[in-house]
All heavy atoms as atom14 arrays in JSON, in Angstrom:
{
  "sequence": "AERRGIIDVGGLVAERLECDVLAVQVRRDRQLALVGWRGAEEIGR",
  "atom14_mask": [
    [1, 1, 1, 1, 1, 0, 0, 0, 0, 0, 0, 0, 0, 0],
    [1, 1, 1, 1, 1, 1, 1, 1, 1, 0, 0, 0, 0, 0],
    [1, 1, 1, 1, 1, 1, 1, 1, 1, 1, 1, 0, 0, 0],
    [1, 1, 1, 1, 1, 1, 1, 1, 1, 1, 1, 0, 0, 0],
    [1, 1, 1, 1, 0, 0, 0, 0, 0, 0, 0, 0, 0, 0],
    [1, 1, 1, 1, 1, 1, 1, 1, 0, 0, 0, 0, 0, 0],
    [1, 1, 1, 1, 1, 1, 1, 1, 0, 0, 0, 0, 0, 0],
    [1, 1, 1, 1, 1, 1, 1, 1, 0, 0, 0, 0, 0, 0],
    [1, 1, 1, 1, 1, 1, 1, 0, 0, 0, 0, 0, 0, 0],
    [1, 1, 1, 1, 0, 0, 0, 0, 0, 0, 0, 0, 0, 0],
    [1, 1, 1, 1, 0, 0, 0, 0, 0, 0, 0, 0, 0, 0],
    [1, 1, 1, 1, 1, 1, 1, 1, 0, 0, 0, 0, 0, 0],
    [1, 1, 1, 1, 1, 1, 1, 0, 0, 0, 0, 0, 0, 0],
    [1, 1, 1, 1, 1, 0, 0, 0, 0, 0, 0, 0, 0, 0],
    [1, 1, 1, 1, 1, 1, 1, 1, 1, 0, 0, 0, 0, 0],
    [1, 1, 1, 1, 1, 1, 1, 1, 1, 1, 1, 0, 0, 0],
    [1, 1, 1, 1, 1, 1, 1, 1, 0, 0, 0, 0, 0, 0],
    [1, 1, 1, 1, 1, 1, 1, 1, 1, 0, 0, 0, 0, 0],
    [1, 1, 1, 1, 1, 1, 0, 0, 0, 0, 0, 0, 0, 0],
    [1, 1, 1, 1, 1, 1, 1, 1, 0, 0, 0, 0, 0, 0],
    [1, 1, 1, 1, 1, 1, 1, 0, 0, 0, 0, 0, 0, 0],
    [1, 1, 1, 1, 1, 1, 1, 1, 0, 0, 0, 0, 0, 0],
    [1, 1, 1, 1, 1, 0, 0, 0, 0, 0, 0, 0, 0, 0],
    [1, 1, 1, 1, 1, 1, 1, 0, 0, 0, 0, 0, 0, 0],
    [1, 1, 1, 1, 1, 1, 1, 1, 1, 0, 0, 0, 0, 0],
    [1, 1, 1, 1, 1, 1, 1, 0, 0, 0, 0, 0, 0, 0],
    [1, 1, 1, 1, 1, 1, 1, 1, 1, 1, 1, 0, 0, 0],
    [1, 1, 1, 1, 1, 1, 1, 1, 1, 1, 1, 0, 0, 0],
    [1, 1, 1, 1, 1, 1, 1, 1, 0, 0, 0, 0, 0, 0],
    [1, 1, 1, 1, 1, 1, 1, 1, 1, 1, 1, 0, 0, 0],
    [1, 1, 1, 1, 1, 1, 1, 1, 1, 0, 0, 0, 0, 0],
    [1, 1, 1, 1, 1, 1, 1, 1, 0, 0, 0, 0, 0, 0],
    [1, 1, 1, 1, 1, 0, 0, 0, 0, 0, 0, 0, 0, 0],
    [1, 1, 1, 1, 1, 1, 1, 1, 0, 0, 0, 0, 0, 0],
    [1, 1, 1, 1, 1, 1, 1, 0, 0, 0, 0, 0, 0, 0],
    [1, 1, 1, 1, 0, 0, 0, 0, 0, 0, 0, 0, 0, 0],
    [1, 1, 1, 1, 1, 1, 1, 1, 1, 1, 1, 1, 1, 1],
    [1, 1, 1, 1, 1, 1, 1, 1, 1, 1, 1, 0, 0, 0],
    [1, 1, 1, 1, 0, 0, 0, 0, 0, 0, 0, 0, 0, 0],
    [1, 1, 1, 1, 1, 0, 0, 0, 0, 0, 0, 0, 0, 0],
    [1, 1, 1, 1, 1, 1, 1, 1, 1, 0, 0, 0, 0, 0],
    [1, 1, 1, 1, 1, 1, 1, 1, 1, 0, 0, 0, 0, 0],
    [1, 1, 1, 1, 1, 1, 1, 1, 0, 0, 0, 0, 0, 0],
    [1, 1, 1, 1, 0, 0, 0, 0, 0, 0, 0, 0, 0, 0],
    [1, 1, 1, 1, 1, 1, 1, 1, 1, 1, 1, 0, 0, 0]
  ],
  "atom14_positions": [
    [[91.31, 77.41, 97.9], [90.87, 76.2, 98.58], [90.23, 76.52, 99.93], [90.43, 77.59, 100.5], [92.06, 75.25, 98.78], [0.0, 0.0, 0.0], [0.0, 0.0, 0.0], [0.0, 0.0, 0.0], [0.0, 0.0, 0.0], [0.0, 0.0, 0.0], [0.0, 0.0, 0.0], [0.0, 0.0, 0.0], [0.0, 0.0, 0.0], [0.0, 0.0, 0.0]],
    [[89.45, 75.55, 100.43], [88.79, 75.66, 101.72], [87.8, 76.81, 101.77], [87.66, 77.5, 102.79], [89.81, 75.76, 102.86], [90.72, 74.54, 102.95], [91.7, 74.62, 104.1], [91.48, 75.43, 105.04], [92.68, 73.86, 104.08], [0.0, 0.0, 0.0], [0.0, 0.0, 0.0], [0.0, 0.0, 0.0], [0.0, 0.0, 0.0], [0.0, 0.0, 0.0]],
    [[87.11, 77.04, 100.66], [86.04, 78.04, 100.58], [86.53, 79.44, 100.89], [85.8, 80.27, 101.42], [84.89, 77.64, 101.52], [83.56, 78.33, 101.27], [82.57, 78.01, 102.37], [81.53, 79.01, 102.49], [80.87, 79.28, 103.61], [81.13, 78.61, 104.71], [79.93, 80.19, 103.64], [0.0, 0.0, 0.0], [0.0, 0.0, 0.0], [0.0, 0.0, 0.0]],
    [[87.76, 79.74, 100.54], [88.3, 81.06, 100.83], [87.89, 82.07, 99.77], [88.07, 81.85, 98.58], [89.83, 81.02, 100.89], [90.42, 80.25, 102.07], [91.94, 80.37, 102.04], [92.59, 79.71, 103.15], [93.11, 78.48, 103.11], [93.05, 77.79, 101.96], [93.69, 77.95, 104.16], [0.0, 0.0, 0.0], [0.0, 0.0, 0.0], [0.0, 0.0, 0.0]],
    [[87.36, 83.19, 100.22], [87.18, 84.35, 99.37], [88.39, 85.25, 99.5], [89.37, 84.92, 100.18], [0.0, 0.0, 0.0], [0.0, 0.0, 0.0], [0.0, 0.0, 0.0], [0.0, 0.0, 0.0], [0.0, 0.0, 0.0], [0.0, 0.0, 0.0], [0.0, 0.0, 0.0], [0.0, 0.0, 0.0], [0.0, 0.0, 0.0], [0.0, 0.0, 0.0]],
    [[88.34, 86.41, 98.88], [89.5, 87.3, 98.88], [89.84, 87.76, 100.3], [91.02, 87.97, 100.62], [89.28, 88.51, 97.96], [90.61, 89.17, 97.57], [88.33, 89.52, 98.58], [91.49, 88.34, 96.68], [0.0, 0.0, 0.0], [0.0, 0.0, 0.0], [0.0, 0.0, 0.0], [0.0, 0.0, 0.0], [0.0, 0.0, 0.0], [0.0, 0.0, 0.0]],
    [[88.84, 87.9, 101.16], [89.11, 88.35, 102.53], [89.88, 87.29, 103.3], [90.84, 87.6, 104.02], [87.79, 88.72, 103.23], [87.19, 89.96, 102.55], [88.02, 88.99, 104.72], [85.8, 90.32, 103.04], [0.0, 0.0, 0.0], [0.0, 0.0, 0.0], [0.0, 0.0, 0.0], [0.0, 0.0, 0.0], [0.0, 0.0, 0.0], [0.0, 0.0, 0.0]],
    [[89.49, 86.03, 103.15], [90.21, 84.95, 103.82], [91.65, 84.86, 103.3], [92.59, 84.64, 104.07], [89.49, 83.62, 103.59], [88.03, 83.69, 103.96], [87.72, 83.71, 105.16], [87.19, 83.75, 103.03], [0.0, 0.0, 0.0], [0.0, 0.0, 0.0], [0.0, 0.0, 0.0], [0.0, 0.0, 0.0], [0.0, 0.0, 0.0], [0.0, 0.0, 0.0]],
    [[91.82, 85.02, 102.0], [93.16, 84.99, 101.42], [93.99, 86.16, 101.95], [95.18, 86.02, 102.27], [93.09, 85.02, 99.89], [94.49, 85.15, 99.28], [92.4, 83.76, 99.35], [0.0, 0.0, 0.0], [0.0, 0.0, 0.0], [0.0, 0.0, 0.0], [0.0, 0.0, 0.0], [0.0, 0.0, 0.0], [0.0, 0.0, 0.0], [0.0, 0.0, 0.0]],
    [[93.37, 87.33, 102.09], [94.08, 88.5, 102.6], [94.62, 88.29, 103.99], [95.76, 88.66, 104.29], [0.0, 0.0, 0.0], [0.0, 0.0, 0.0], [0.0, 0.0, 0.0], [0.0, 0.0, 0.0], [0.0, 0.0, 0.0], [0.0, 0.0, 0.0], [0.0, 0.0, 0.0], [0.0, 0.0, 0.0], [0.0, 0.0, 0.0], [0.0, 0.0, 0.0]],
    [[93.81, 87.7, 104.88], [94.28, 87.44, 106.23], [95.45, 86.48, 106.26], [96.41, 86.66, 107.02], [0.0, 0.0, 0.0], [0.0, 0.0, 0.0], [0.0, 0.0, 0.0], [0.0, 0.0, 0.0], [0.0, 0.0, 0.0], [0.0, 0.0, 0.0], [0.0, 0.0, 0.0], [0.0, 0.0, 0.0], [0.0, 0.0, 0.0], [0.0, 0.0, 0.0]],
    [[95.39, 85.47, 105.41], [96.48, 84.49, 105.35], [97.76, 85.11, 104.81], [98.86, 84.9, 105.36], [96.06, 83.31, 104.47], [97.06, 82.16, 104.34], [97.26, 81.48, 105.68], [96.57, 81.16, 103.29], [0.0, 0.0, 0.0], [0.0, 0.0, 0.0], [0.0, 0.0, 0.0], [0.0, 0.0, 0.0], [0.0, 0.0, 0.0], [0.0, 0.0, 0.0]],
    [[97.65, 85.9, 103.75], [98.83, 86.55, 103.16], [99.47, 87.51, 104.16], [100.7, 87.54, 104.33], [98.44, 87.3, 101.87], [99.56, 88.22, 101.41], [98.09, 86.3, 100.77], [0.0, 0.0, 0.0], [0.0, 0.0, 0.0], [0.0, 0.0, 0.0], [0.0, 0.0, 0.0], [0.0, 0.0, 0.0], [0.0, 0.0, 0.0], [0.0, 0.0, 0.0]],
    [[98.65, 88.3, 104.85], [99.18, 89.25, 105.83], [99.94, 88.54, 106.94], [101.02, 88.98, 107.34], [98.04, 90.08, 106.42], [0.0, 0.0, 0.0], [0.0, 0.0, 0.0], [0.0, 0.0, 0.0], [0.0, 0.0, 0.0], [0.0, 0.0, 0.0], [0.0, 0.0, 0.0], [0.0, 0.0, 0.0], [0.0, 0.0, 0.0], [0.0, 0.0, 0.0]],
    [[99.38, 87.43, 107.41], [100.02, 86.69, 108.5], [101.31, 86.01, 108.05], [102.35, 86.13, 108.7], [99.06, 85.64, 109.05], [99.65, 84.78, 110.15], [98.68, 83.74, 110.67], [97.56, 83.62, 110.11], [99.05, 83.02, 111.62], [0.0, 0.0, 0.0], [0.0, 0.0, 0.0], [0.0, 0.0, 0.0], [0.0, 0.0, 0.0], [0.0, 0.0, 0.0]],
    [[101.25, 85.31, 106.92], [102.41, 84.53, 106.49], [103.55, 85.41, 106.0], [104.72, 85.09, 106.22], [101.99, 83.56, 105.38], [100.97, 82.54, 105.83], [101.55, 81.51, 106.81], [100.54, 80.58, 107.29], [100.16, 79.5, 106.63], [100.71, 79.21, 105.46], [99.22, 78.71, 107.14], [0.0, 0.0, 0.0], [0.0, 0.0, 0.0], [0.0, 0.0, 0.0]],
    [[103.22, 86.52, 105.34], [104.27, 87.4, 104.82], [104.61, 88.53, 105.78], [105.52, 89.32, 105.51], [103.85, 87.98, 103.47], [103.57, 86.98, 102.35], [103.36, 87.72, 101.04], [104.67, 85.95, 102.22], [0.0, 0.0, 0.0], [0.0, 0.0, 0.0], [0.0, 0.0, 0.0], [0.0, 0.0, 0.0], [0.0, 0.0, 0.0], [0.0, 0.0, 0.0]],
    [[103.85, 88.61, 106.89], [104.09, 89.63, 107.92], [104.12, 91.03, 107.3], [105.08, 91.8, 107.48], [105.39, 89.34, 108.68], [105.37, 88.01, 109.41], [106.66, 87.76, 110.19], [107.67, 88.44, 109.92], [106.63, 86.89, 111.08], [0.0, 0.0, 0.0], [0.0, 0.0, 0.0], [0.0, 0.0, 0.0], [0.0, 0.0, 0.0], [0.0, 0.0, 0.0]],
    [[103.07, 91.35, 106.57], [102.99, 92.64, 105.91], [101.6, 93.24, 106.1], [100.67, 92.58, 106.56], [103.34, 92.52, 104.43], [102.19, 91.52, 103.47], [0.0, 0.0, 0.0], [0.0, 0.0, 0.0], [0.0, 0.0, 0.0], [0.0, 0.0, 0.0], [0.0, 0.0, 0.0], [0.0, 0.0, 0.0], [0.0, 0.0, 0.0], [0.0, 0.0, 0.0]],
    [[101.47, 94.51, 105.74], [100.18, 95.2, 105.81], [99.4, 94.89, 104.53], [99.94, 94.99, 103.42], [100.37, 96.7, 105.93], [101.09, 97.08, 107.21], [101.21, 96.22, 108.1], [101.52, 98.25, 107.33], [0.0, 0.0, 0.0], [0.0, 0.0, 0.0], [0.0, 0.0, 0.0], [0.0, 0.0, 0.0], [0.0, 0.0, 0.0], [0.0, 0.0, 0.0]],
    [[98.13, 94.55, 104.71], [97.3, 94.15, 103.57], [95.92, 94.78, 103.7], [95.35, 94.83, 104.79], [97.16, 92.61, 103.49], [96.18, 92.2, 102.39], [98.51, 91.95, 103.25], [0.0, 0.0, 0.0], [0.0, 0.0, 0.0], [0.0, 0.0, 0.0], [0.0, 0.0, 0.0], [0.0, 0.0, 0.0], [0.0, 0.0, 0.0], [0.0, 0.0, 0.0]],
    [[95.39, 95.24, 102.58], [94.01, 95.7, 102.5], [93.27, 94.82, 101.49], [93.71, 94.68, 100.35], [93.95, 97.16, 102.04], [92.54, 97.7, 101.73], [91.69, 97.75, 102.99], [92.63, 99.08, 101.08], [0.0, 0.0, 0.0], [0.0, 0.0, 0.0], [0.0, 0.0, 0.0], [0.0, 0.0, 0.0], [0.0, 0.0, 0.0], [0.0, 0.0, 0.0]],
    [[92.16, 94.22, 101.93], [91.31, 93.45, 101.03], [90.14, 94.32, 100.59], [89.52, 95.02, 101.4], [90.79, 92.19, 101.73], [0.0, 0.0, 0.0], [0.0, 0.0, 0.0], [0.0, 0.0, 0.0], [0.0, 0.0, 0.0], [0.0, 0.0, 0.0], [0.0, 0.0, 0.0], [0.0, 0.0, 0.0], [0.0, 0.0, 0.0], [0.0, 0.0, 0.0]],
    [[89.84, 94.27, 99.3], [88.77, 95.05, 98.7], [87.84, 94.1, 97.96], [88.31, 93.26, 97.17], [89.33, 96.09, 97.7], [88.21, 96.78, 96.95], [90.21, 97.1, 98.4], [0.0, 0.0, 0.0], [0.0, 0.0, 0.0], [0.0, 0.0, 0.0], [0.0, 0.0, 0.0], [0.0, 0.0, 0.0], [0.0, 0.0, 0.0], [0.0, 0.0, 0.0]],
    [[86.54, 94.23, 98.19], [85.59, 93.37, 97.47], [84.34, 94.17, 97.13], [83.77, 94.83, 97.99], [85.21, 92.16, 98.32], [84.16, 91.25, 97.67], [83.83, 90.06, 98.54], [84.6, 89.1, 98.61], [82.71, 90.12, 99.22], [0.0, 0.0, 0.0], [0.0, 0.0, 0.0], [0.0, 0.0, 0.0], [0.0, 0.0, 0.0], [0.0, 0.0, 0.0]],
    [[83.93, 94.11, 95.87], [82.69, 94.73, 95.42], [81.79, 93.62, 94.87], [82.22, 92.83, 94.03], [82.96, 95.79, 94.33], [81.65, 96.27, 93.72], [83.73, 96.97, 94.92], [0.0, 0.0, 0.0], [0.0, 0.0, 0.0], [0.0, 0.0, 0.0], [0.0, 0.0, 0.0], [0.0, 0.0, 0.0], [0.0, 0.0, 0.0], [0.0, 0.0, 0.0]],
    [[80.56, 93.57, 95.38], [79.6, 92.57, 94.92], [78.48, 93.24, 94.15], [77.72, 94.03, 94.7], [79.02, 91.8, 96.12], [78.09, 90.63, 95.72], [77.44, 90.0, 96.94], [78.42, 89.53, 97.89], [79.08, 88.37, 97.77], [78.86, 87.59, 96.73], [79.96, 88.01, 98.7], [0.0, 0.0, 0.0], [0.0, 0.0, 0.0], [0.0, 0.0, 0.0]],
    [[78.42, 92.97, 92.84], [77.36, 93.46, 91.96], [77.17, 94.97, 92.07], [76.09, 95.5, 91.89], [76.06, 92.72, 92.22], [76.15, 91.22, 91.96], [74.8, 90.53, 92.14], [73.82, 91.04, 91.18], [73.74, 90.62, 89.92], [74.56, 89.69, 89.44], [72.83, 91.12, 89.11], [0.0, 0.0, 0.0], [0.0, 0.0, 0.0], [0.0, 0.0, 0.0]],
    [[78.25, 95.66, 92.4], [78.26, 97.11, 92.54], [77.27, 97.63, 93.58], [76.95, 98.81, 93.62], [78.01, 97.82, 91.2], [79.27, 98.52, 90.71], [80.06, 98.95, 91.55], [79.45, 98.61, 89.49], [0.0, 0.0, 0.0], [0.0, 0.0, 0.0], [0.0, 0.0, 0.0], [0.0, 0.0, 0.0], [0.0, 0.0, 0.0], [0.0, 0.0, 0.0]],
    [[76.82, 96.74, 94.46], [75.89, 97.15, 95.51], [76.52, 97.07, 96.89], [76.11, 97.77, 97.82], [74.64, 96.25, 95.5], [73.63, 96.66, 96.56], [72.46, 95.75, 96.63], [71.71, 96.01, 97.87], [70.68, 95.3, 98.27], [70.27, 94.27, 97.55], [70.06, 95.59, 99.39], [0.0, 0.0, 0.0], [0.0, 0.0, 0.0], [0.0, 0.0, 0.0]],
    [[77.53, 96.23, 97.05], [78.15, 96.03, 98.36], [79.66, 96.19, 98.24], [80.3, 95.56, 97.41], [77.82, 94.63, 98.87], [78.43, 94.31, 100.23], [78.36, 92.83, 100.56], [78.53, 91.98, 99.67], [78.08, 92.49, 101.81], [0.0, 0.0, 0.0], [0.0, 0.0, 0.0], [0.0, 0.0, 0.0], [0.0, 0.0, 0.0], [0.0, 0.0, 0.0]],
    [[80.22, 97.04, 99.1], [81.66, 97.24, 99.17], [82.17, 96.74, 100.52], [81.62, 97.11, 101.57], [82.02, 98.72, 99.01], [83.47, 99.11, 99.34], [84.44, 98.44, 98.38], [83.63, 100.63, 99.32], [0.0, 0.0, 0.0], [0.0, 0.0, 0.0], [0.0, 0.0, 0.0], [0.0, 0.0, 0.0], [0.0, 0.0, 0.0], [0.0, 0.0, 0.0]],
    [[83.19, 95.9, 100.49], [83.82, 95.41, 101.72], [85.29, 95.81, 101.73], [85.97, 95.71, 100.71], [83.68, 93.9, 101.83], [0.0, 0.0, 0.0], [0.0, 0.0, 0.0], [0.0, 0.0, 0.0], [0.0, 0.0, 0.0], [0.0, 0.0, 0.0], [0.0, 0.0, 0.0], [0.0, 0.0, 0.0], [0.0, 0.0, 0.0], [0.0, 0.0, 0.0]],
    [[85.76, 96.24, 102.89], [87.17, 96.59, 103.1], [87.61, 95.95, 104.4], [86.94, 96.08, 105.43], [87.36, 98.11, 103.2], [86.87, 98.97, 102.02], [86.89, 100.44, 102.41], [87.74, 98.74, 100.8], [0.0, 0.0, 0.0], [0.0, 0.0, 0.0], [0.0, 0.0, 0.0], [0.0, 0.0, 0.0], [0.0, 0.0, 0.0], [0.0, 0.0, 0.0]],
    [[88.74, 95.24, 104.37], [89.29, 94.62, 105.58], [90.8, 94.87, 105.58], [91.45, 94.72, 104.54], [89.01, 93.11, 105.64], [89.48, 92.53, 106.98], [87.51, 92.82, 105.43], [0.0, 0.0, 0.0], [0.0, 0.0, 0.0], [0.0, 0.0, 0.0], [0.0, 0.0, 0.0], [0.0, 0.0, 0.0], [0.0, 0.0, 0.0], [0.0, 0.0, 0.0]],
    [[91.34, 95.23, 106.75], [92.77, 95.53, 106.83], [93.47, 94.72, 107.9], [92.88, 94.36, 108.92], [0.0, 0.0, 0.0], [0.0, 0.0, 0.0], [0.0, 0.0, 0.0], [0.0, 0.0, 0.0], [0.0, 0.0, 0.0], [0.0, 0.0, 0.0], [0.0, 0.0, 0.0], [0.0, 0.0, 0.0], [0.0, 0.0, 0.0], [0.0, 0.0, 0.0]],
    [[94.74, 94.43, 107.63], [95.58, 93.69, 108.57], [96.95, 94.34, 108.68], [97.48, 94.88, 107.7], [95.81, 92.25, 108.11], [94.59, 91.4, 108.0], [94.07, 90.54, 108.93], [93.75, 91.28, 106.84], [92.95, 89.92, 108.43], [92.74, 90.34, 107.17], [93.75, 91.88, 105.59], [91.74, 89.98, 106.26], [92.76, 91.55, 104.7], [91.77, 90.61, 105.03]],
    [[97.53, 94.25, 109.86], [98.95, 94.5, 110.07], [99.56, 93.18, 110.51], [99.43, 92.79, 111.67], [99.17, 95.57, 111.12], [98.76, 96.97, 110.68], [99.21, 98.02, 111.67], [98.8, 99.36, 111.28], [99.42, 100.12, 110.4], [100.51, 99.67, 109.8], [98.99, 101.33, 110.1], [0.0, 0.0, 0.0], [0.0, 0.0, 0.0], [0.0, 0.0, 0.0]],
    [[100.14, 92.47, 109.58], [100.61, 91.13, 109.88], [99.43, 90.25, 110.28], [98.4, 90.25, 109.61], [0.0, 0.0, 0.0], [0.0, 0.0, 0.0], [0.0, 0.0, 0.0], [0.0, 0.0, 0.0], [0.0, 0.0, 0.0], [0.0, 0.0, 0.0], [0.0, 0.0, 0.0], [0.0, 0.0, 0.0], [0.0, 0.0, 0.0], [0.0, 0.0, 0.0]],
    [[99.57, 89.53, 111.38], [98.52, 88.61, 111.82], [97.34, 89.32, 112.46], [96.29, 88.7, 112.71], [99.1, 87.59, 112.79], [0.0, 0.0, 0.0], [0.0, 0.0, 0.0], [0.0, 0.0, 0.0], [0.0, 0.0, 0.0], [0.0, 0.0, 0.0], [0.0, 0.0, 0.0], [0.0, 0.0, 0.0], [0.0, 0.0, 0.0], [0.0, 0.0, 0.0]],
    [[97.47, 90.61, 112.74], [96.41, 91.34, 113.45], [95.44, 92.0, 112.46], [95.83, 92.83, 111.65], [97.02, 92.42, 114.34], [95.98, 93.25, 115.07], [96.56, 94.44, 115.79], [97.78, 94.66, 115.65], [95.8, 95.15, 116.48], [0.0, 0.0, 0.0], [0.0, 0.0, 0.0], [0.0, 0.0, 0.0], [0.0, 0.0, 0.0], [0.0, 0.0, 0.0]],
    [[94.16, 91.62, 112.55], [93.15, 92.32, 111.78], [92.82, 93.61, 112.5], [92.47, 93.61, 113.69], [91.89, 91.46, 111.64], [90.81, 92.15, 110.82], [89.54, 91.32, 110.68], [89.66, 90.11, 110.36], [88.45, 91.87, 110.89], [0.0, 0.0, 0.0], [0.0, 0.0, 0.0], [0.0, 0.0, 0.0], [0.0, 0.0, 0.0], [0.0, 0.0, 0.0]],
    [[92.86, 94.74, 111.79], [92.65, 96.03, 112.43], [91.25, 96.57, 112.21], [90.86, 97.57, 112.83], [93.69, 97.05, 111.96], [93.56, 97.31, 110.45], [95.09, 96.61, 112.32], [94.42, 98.47, 109.97], [0.0, 0.0, 0.0], [0.0, 0.0, 0.0], [0.0, 0.0, 0.0], [0.0, 0.0, 0.0], [0.0, 0.0, 0.0], [0.0, 0.0, 0.0]],
    [[90.46, 95.96, 111.35], [89.08, 96.41, 111.16], [88.51, 95.93, 109.85], [89.22, 95.52, 108.94], [0.0, 0.0, 0.0], [0.0, 0.0, 0.0], [0.0, 0.0, 0.0], [0.0, 0.0, 0.0], [0.0, 0.0, 0.0], [0.0, 0.0, 0.0], [0.0, 0.0, 0.0], [0.0, 0.0, 0.0], [0.0, 0.0, 0.0], [0.0, 0.0, 0.0]],
    [[87.16, 95.99, 109.78], [86.48, 95.64, 108.54], [85.24, 96.5, 108.36], [84.62, 96.93, 109.33], [86.16, 94.15, 108.46], [85.28, 93.57, 109.53], [85.01, 92.08, 109.25], [86.24, 91.29, 109.17], [86.33, 90.12, 108.54], [85.27, 89.6, 107.92], [87.47, 89.45, 108.52], [0.0, 0.0, 0.0], [0.0, 0.0, 0.0], [0.0, 0.0, 0.0]]
  ]
}
């Protein structure tokens, strides 16, 4: 809901569950995205 892609879901899960999360997304095998969180803190993308 609310136009969330996997990255938006990853940030929410990391914050609410207070855990480390890595989001991975591949678009048409041309674009790779990686985003990481430690709890509510995003550490990089």
